N, C-alpha and C. Protein backbone atom coordinates (compact mmCIF):
# COMPACT_ATOMS: atom_id res chain seq x y z
N MET A 1 -31.99 24.45 146.88
CA MET A 1 -30.70 23.81 146.84
C MET A 1 -29.58 24.83 147.03
N LEU A 2 -29.72 25.99 146.41
CA LEU A 2 -28.72 27.04 146.53
C LEU A 2 -28.64 27.54 147.98
N VAL A 3 -29.79 27.66 148.65
CA VAL A 3 -29.80 28.11 150.04
C VAL A 3 -29.08 27.10 150.93
N ALA A 4 -29.34 25.82 150.73
CA ALA A 4 -28.68 24.78 151.52
C ALA A 4 -27.17 24.80 151.30
N ALA A 5 -26.75 24.95 150.06
CA ALA A 5 -25.32 25.00 149.76
C ALA A 5 -24.68 26.22 150.41
N THR A 6 -25.38 27.34 150.40
CA THR A 6 -24.86 28.56 151.03
C THR A 6 -24.71 28.36 152.54
N CYS A 7 -25.69 27.73 153.17
CA CYS A 7 -25.63 27.50 154.62
C CYS A 7 -24.47 26.58 154.98
N VAL A 8 -24.27 25.54 154.19
CA VAL A 8 -23.17 24.62 154.45
C VAL A 8 -21.84 25.35 154.29
N PHE A 9 -21.72 26.14 153.22
CA PHE A 9 -20.50 26.89 152.97
C PHE A 9 -20.24 27.90 154.08
N ALA A 10 -21.26 28.64 154.49
CA ALA A 10 -21.11 29.64 155.54
C ALA A 10 -20.76 28.97 156.87
N GLY A 11 -21.34 27.82 157.13
CA GLY A 11 -21.05 27.09 158.37
C GLY A 11 -19.60 26.69 158.45
N CYS A 12 -18.99 26.36 157.34
CA CYS A 12 -17.58 25.97 157.34
C CYS A 12 -16.68 27.13 157.74
N HIS A 13 -17.08 28.35 157.42
CA HIS A 13 -16.25 29.51 157.72
C HIS A 13 -16.49 30.07 159.11
N THR A 14 -17.61 29.73 159.74
CA THR A 14 -17.89 30.29 161.06
C THR A 14 -17.55 29.33 162.20
N SER A 15 -17.19 28.10 161.88
CA SER A 15 -16.88 27.15 162.95
C SER A 15 -15.57 27.54 163.62
N ARG A 16 -15.52 27.28 164.93
CA ARG A 16 -14.33 27.60 165.71
C ARG A 16 -13.35 26.45 165.68
N ALA A 17 -12.09 26.80 165.78
CA ALA A 17 -11.07 25.77 165.89
C ALA A 17 -11.21 25.12 167.26
N PRO A 18 -10.94 23.83 167.37
CA PRO A 18 -11.06 23.18 168.68
C PRO A 18 -10.05 23.76 169.68
N VAL A 19 -10.48 23.83 170.93
CA VAL A 19 -9.59 24.32 171.99
C VAL A 19 -8.71 23.15 172.42
N THR A 20 -7.42 23.38 172.43
CA THR A 20 -6.48 22.34 172.86
C THR A 20 -5.98 22.66 174.26
N PRO A 21 -5.63 21.64 175.03
CA PRO A 21 -5.06 21.90 176.35
C PRO A 21 -3.81 22.79 176.27
N GLU A 22 -3.01 22.60 175.24
CA GLU A 22 -1.78 23.38 175.09
C GLU A 22 -2.07 24.88 174.99
N SER A 23 -3.19 25.24 174.38
CA SER A 23 -3.53 26.66 174.22
C SER A 23 -3.98 27.30 175.54
N LEU A 24 -4.28 26.47 176.53
CA LEU A 24 -4.77 26.99 177.81
C LEU A 24 -3.69 27.05 178.89
N VAL A 25 -2.60 26.34 178.71
CA VAL A 25 -1.53 26.29 179.71
C VAL A 25 -0.97 27.68 179.93
N GLY A 26 -0.75 28.03 181.21
CA GLY A 26 -0.14 29.32 181.54
C GLY A 26 -0.77 29.95 182.76
N GLY A 27 -0.37 31.19 183.03
CA GLY A 27 -0.84 31.93 184.19
C GLY A 27 -1.98 32.87 183.84
N TYR A 28 -2.99 32.90 184.69
CA TYR A 28 -4.18 33.72 184.50
C TYR A 28 -4.33 34.72 185.65
N THR A 29 -4.85 35.89 185.32
CA THR A 29 -5.16 36.89 186.33
C THR A 29 -6.67 37.08 186.39
N TYR A 30 -7.14 37.50 187.54
CA TYR A 30 -8.55 37.70 187.81
C TYR A 30 -8.96 39.08 187.31
N VAL A 31 -10.07 39.14 186.56
CA VAL A 31 -10.60 40.40 186.05
C VAL A 31 -12.02 40.56 186.55
N SER A 32 -12.33 41.73 187.09
CA SER A 32 -13.70 42.02 187.51
C SER A 32 -14.08 43.42 187.06
N LYS A 33 -15.17 43.50 186.33
CA LYS A 33 -15.73 44.78 185.90
C LYS A 33 -16.91 45.17 186.81
N ASP A 34 -17.14 44.38 187.86
CA ASP A 34 -18.24 44.59 188.79
C ASP A 34 -17.96 45.82 189.66
N PRO A 35 -18.77 46.88 189.56
CA PRO A 35 -18.51 48.09 190.35
C PRO A 35 -18.74 47.88 191.85
N GLU A 36 -19.46 46.84 192.23
CA GLU A 36 -19.74 46.56 193.64
C GLU A 36 -18.59 45.83 194.33
N MET A 37 -17.67 45.25 193.56
CA MET A 37 -16.61 44.44 194.13
C MET A 37 -15.41 45.31 194.48
N ARG A 38 -14.82 45.05 195.63
CA ARG A 38 -13.61 45.77 196.03
C ARG A 38 -12.39 45.05 195.44
N ALA A 39 -11.55 45.79 194.77
CA ALA A 39 -10.37 45.19 194.13
C ALA A 39 -9.47 44.49 195.13
N THR A 40 -9.44 44.97 196.36
CA THR A 40 -8.56 44.39 197.37
C THR A 40 -9.02 43.00 197.79
N ASP A 41 -10.29 42.63 197.53
CA ASP A 41 -10.77 41.28 197.84
C ASP A 41 -10.08 40.23 196.98
N HIS A 42 -9.62 40.62 195.81
CA HIS A 42 -9.05 39.68 194.84
C HIS A 42 -7.65 40.07 194.39
N SER A 43 -7.00 40.92 195.12
CA SER A 43 -5.70 41.44 194.69
C SER A 43 -4.62 40.37 194.58
N LEU A 44 -4.79 39.24 195.26
CA LEU A 44 -3.79 38.17 195.20
C LEU A 44 -4.24 36.97 194.36
N ASP A 45 -5.41 37.06 193.74
CA ASP A 45 -5.94 35.94 192.95
C ASP A 45 -5.06 35.65 191.74
N HIS A 46 -4.75 34.38 191.53
CA HIS A 46 -4.11 33.95 190.30
C HIS A 46 -4.36 32.45 190.10
N LEU A 47 -4.35 32.06 188.85
CA LEU A 47 -4.58 30.67 188.45
C LEU A 47 -3.46 30.28 187.50
N VAL A 48 -2.89 29.11 187.73
CA VAL A 48 -1.85 28.58 186.84
C VAL A 48 -2.29 27.20 186.38
N LEU A 49 -2.38 27.03 185.05
CA LEU A 49 -2.67 25.72 184.46
C LEU A 49 -1.36 25.15 183.95
N LEU A 50 -0.98 24.00 184.46
CA LEU A 50 0.27 23.36 184.08
C LEU A 50 0.05 22.36 182.95
N SER A 51 1.09 22.12 182.17
CA SER A 51 0.99 21.21 181.02
C SER A 51 0.78 19.76 181.42
N ASN A 52 1.02 19.41 182.68
CA ASN A 52 0.80 18.04 183.15
C ASN A 52 -0.63 17.79 183.61
N GLY A 53 -1.53 18.76 183.38
CA GLY A 53 -2.94 18.60 183.74
C GLY A 53 -3.26 19.00 185.17
N LYS A 54 -2.32 19.61 185.85
CA LYS A 54 -2.55 20.07 187.22
C LYS A 54 -2.74 21.59 187.22
N TYR A 55 -3.39 22.10 188.28
CA TYR A 55 -3.55 23.54 188.41
C TYR A 55 -3.23 23.99 189.82
N ASP A 56 -2.93 25.29 189.95
CA ASP A 56 -2.71 25.93 191.24
C ASP A 56 -3.56 27.20 191.24
N LEU A 57 -4.50 27.29 192.19
CA LEU A 57 -5.42 28.41 192.28
C LEU A 57 -5.26 29.08 193.64
N VAL A 58 -4.94 30.38 193.60
CA VAL A 58 -4.85 31.17 194.82
C VAL A 58 -5.93 32.24 194.74
N GLU A 59 -6.73 32.34 195.81
CA GLU A 59 -7.80 33.34 195.87
C GLU A 59 -7.69 34.10 197.18
N GLY A 60 -7.95 35.39 197.11
CA GLY A 60 -7.95 36.22 198.30
C GLY A 60 -7.28 37.54 198.03
N GLY A 61 -7.16 38.32 199.06
CA GLY A 61 -6.56 39.63 198.91
C GLY A 61 -6.25 40.25 200.25
N THR A 62 -5.94 41.53 200.21
CA THR A 62 -5.57 42.21 201.44
C THR A 62 -6.76 42.37 202.38
N THR A 63 -7.99 42.27 201.87
CA THR A 63 -9.19 42.37 202.72
C THR A 63 -9.96 41.06 202.78
N LYS A 64 -9.40 40.00 202.24
CA LYS A 64 -10.07 38.70 202.20
C LYS A 64 -9.04 37.61 202.47
N VAL A 65 -9.42 36.59 203.22
CA VAL A 65 -8.52 35.50 203.55
C VAL A 65 -8.01 34.83 202.27
N VAL A 66 -6.72 34.52 202.24
CA VAL A 66 -6.10 33.88 201.08
C VAL A 66 -6.19 32.37 201.24
N SER A 67 -6.61 31.70 200.15
CA SER A 67 -6.63 30.23 200.14
C SER A 67 -5.95 29.74 198.88
N GLU A 68 -5.37 28.55 198.97
CA GLU A 68 -4.71 27.95 197.81
C GLU A 68 -5.28 26.56 197.61
N LYS A 69 -5.54 26.24 196.34
CA LYS A 69 -6.08 24.93 196.00
C LYS A 69 -5.30 24.40 194.81
N GLU A 70 -4.97 23.11 194.86
CA GLU A 70 -4.32 22.43 193.74
C GLU A 70 -5.20 21.27 193.33
N GLY A 71 -5.16 20.94 192.05
CA GLY A 71 -5.98 19.84 191.57
C GLY A 71 -5.70 19.53 190.12
N VAL A 72 -6.67 18.90 189.48
CA VAL A 72 -6.55 18.44 188.10
C VAL A 72 -7.51 19.24 187.22
N TRP A 73 -7.02 19.62 186.02
CA TRP A 73 -7.88 20.31 185.07
C TRP A 73 -7.96 19.55 183.77
N ARG A 74 -9.07 19.80 183.04
CA ARG A 74 -9.24 19.20 181.71
C ARG A 74 -10.23 20.03 180.91
N VAL A 75 -10.21 19.82 179.60
CA VAL A 75 -11.11 20.51 178.68
C VAL A 75 -12.27 19.58 178.36
N VAL A 76 -13.49 20.13 178.42
CA VAL A 76 -14.69 19.39 178.05
C VAL A 76 -15.23 20.02 176.77
N PRO A 77 -15.28 19.25 175.67
CA PRO A 77 -15.77 19.81 174.41
C PRO A 77 -17.23 20.27 174.54
N GLY A 78 -17.60 21.22 173.73
CA GLY A 78 -18.96 21.73 173.71
C GLY A 78 -18.99 23.07 173.01
N ASP A 79 -20.12 23.73 173.10
CA ASP A 79 -20.26 25.04 172.49
C ASP A 79 -20.83 26.00 173.53
N PRO A 80 -20.03 26.71 174.27
CA PRO A 80 -18.57 26.73 174.18
C PRO A 80 -17.94 25.57 174.94
N PRO A 81 -16.67 25.27 174.65
CA PRO A 81 -15.97 24.27 175.44
C PRO A 81 -15.78 24.80 176.86
N ASN A 82 -15.61 23.91 177.81
CA ASN A 82 -15.43 24.29 179.20
C ASN A 82 -14.12 23.78 179.75
N LEU A 83 -13.56 24.53 180.68
CA LEU A 83 -12.41 24.09 181.44
C LEU A 83 -12.95 23.61 182.78
N LEU A 84 -12.59 22.39 183.17
CA LEU A 84 -12.97 21.88 184.48
C LEU A 84 -11.77 21.90 185.39
N LEU A 85 -11.91 22.58 186.53
CA LEU A 85 -10.95 22.51 187.61
C LEU A 85 -11.58 21.59 188.63
N ASP A 86 -11.16 20.35 188.64
CA ASP A 86 -11.84 19.30 189.39
C ASP A 86 -13.29 19.27 188.91
N LEU A 87 -14.25 19.79 189.67
CA LEU A 87 -15.65 19.76 189.26
C LEU A 87 -16.20 21.12 188.88
N ALA A 88 -15.45 22.20 189.09
CA ALA A 88 -15.91 23.55 188.75
C ALA A 88 -15.66 23.83 187.27
N GLY A 89 -16.70 24.25 186.55
CA GLY A 89 -16.57 24.49 185.11
C GLY A 89 -16.54 25.97 184.76
N TYR A 90 -15.71 26.30 183.77
CA TYR A 90 -15.59 27.66 183.26
C TYR A 90 -15.67 27.62 181.73
N PRO A 91 -16.67 28.27 181.12
CA PRO A 91 -16.69 28.35 179.66
C PRO A 91 -15.43 29.05 179.16
N ILE A 92 -14.90 28.55 178.05
CA ILE A 92 -13.66 29.09 177.48
C ILE A 92 -14.01 30.01 176.32
N GLU A 93 -13.40 31.19 176.32
CA GLU A 93 -13.58 32.15 175.24
C GLU A 93 -12.21 32.53 174.71
N ILE A 94 -11.96 32.22 173.44
CA ILE A 94 -10.68 32.56 172.81
C ILE A 94 -10.88 33.84 172.02
N ARG A 95 -10.13 34.85 172.35
CA ARG A 95 -10.19 36.13 171.63
C ARG A 95 -8.90 36.29 170.83
N GLU A 96 -8.82 37.38 170.08
CA GLU A 96 -7.66 37.59 169.23
C GLU A 96 -6.35 37.59 170.01
N LYS A 97 -6.34 38.26 171.16
CA LYS A 97 -5.08 38.41 171.91
C LYS A 97 -5.10 37.79 173.29
N GLU A 98 -6.21 37.14 173.66
CA GLU A 98 -6.29 36.59 175.01
C GLU A 98 -7.21 35.39 175.09
N VAL A 99 -7.02 34.64 176.16
CA VAL A 99 -7.87 33.50 176.49
C VAL A 99 -8.60 33.86 177.77
N ARG A 100 -9.93 33.70 177.76
CA ARG A 100 -10.74 33.99 178.94
C ARG A 100 -11.41 32.72 179.44
N LEU A 101 -11.42 32.55 180.75
CA LEU A 101 -12.17 31.51 181.43
C LEU A 101 -13.27 32.24 182.17
N LEU A 102 -14.49 32.11 181.68
CA LEU A 102 -15.60 32.94 182.15
C LEU A 102 -16.14 32.46 183.50
N ILE A 103 -16.25 33.38 184.44
CA ILE A 103 -16.80 33.09 185.75
C ILE A 103 -18.25 33.56 185.80
N ASP A 104 -18.50 34.84 185.50
CA ASP A 104 -19.84 35.40 185.53
C ASP A 104 -19.89 36.59 184.59
N LEU A 105 -20.46 36.40 183.40
CA LEU A 105 -20.51 37.49 182.43
C LEU A 105 -21.53 38.55 182.79
N ASP A 106 -22.54 38.21 183.60
CA ASP A 106 -23.55 39.20 183.98
C ASP A 106 -22.92 40.37 184.72
N VAL A 107 -21.91 40.10 185.54
CA VAL A 107 -21.24 41.17 186.27
C VAL A 107 -19.81 41.41 185.75
N GLY A 108 -19.40 40.65 184.76
CA GLY A 108 -18.08 40.86 184.13
C GLY A 108 -16.92 40.34 184.94
N ILE A 109 -16.92 39.04 185.23
CA ILE A 109 -15.83 38.43 185.99
C ILE A 109 -15.29 37.25 185.20
N TRP A 110 -13.96 37.22 185.02
CA TRP A 110 -13.33 36.11 184.31
C TRP A 110 -11.85 36.03 184.67
N TRP A 111 -11.23 34.90 184.30
CA TRP A 111 -9.78 34.73 184.36
C TRP A 111 -9.26 35.03 182.96
N VAL A 112 -8.10 35.65 182.84
CA VAL A 112 -7.55 35.99 181.52
C VAL A 112 -6.04 35.76 181.49
N LYS A 113 -5.58 35.32 180.30
CA LYS A 113 -4.14 35.24 180.04
C LYS A 113 -3.93 35.69 178.61
N ALA A 114 -2.74 36.25 178.36
CA ALA A 114 -2.38 36.66 177.00
C ALA A 114 -2.25 35.40 176.16
N LYS A 115 -2.69 35.48 174.92
CA LYS A 115 -2.63 34.35 174.00
C LYS A 115 -1.19 34.11 173.57
N ASN A 116 -0.78 32.85 173.53
CA ASN A 116 0.59 32.47 173.11
C ASN A 116 0.81 32.77 171.66
């Protein structure tokens, strides 16, 4: 009984606060820790999530064709919660000072914005 009570108590302290759309609104920059990737391929990449549920995504760089896409975004609850840009999903990671939208953790690629 004591073990069960301890697990319940510990679970209450380790649960994450729910991600709200308001906490995600803002401008994001592209981060890549991949040593194989050329920074100039993504030098113009940026993502903006608007409070009206729309987004603006620009991808490209000085060595890669630039494209712009606009659409609708929403949060899908889960563990971790996901951000959907139309049909593309990005797991959400909330850190102490930043919000990350994970693209590929194996090579270290994500979108990041400073936390409000």
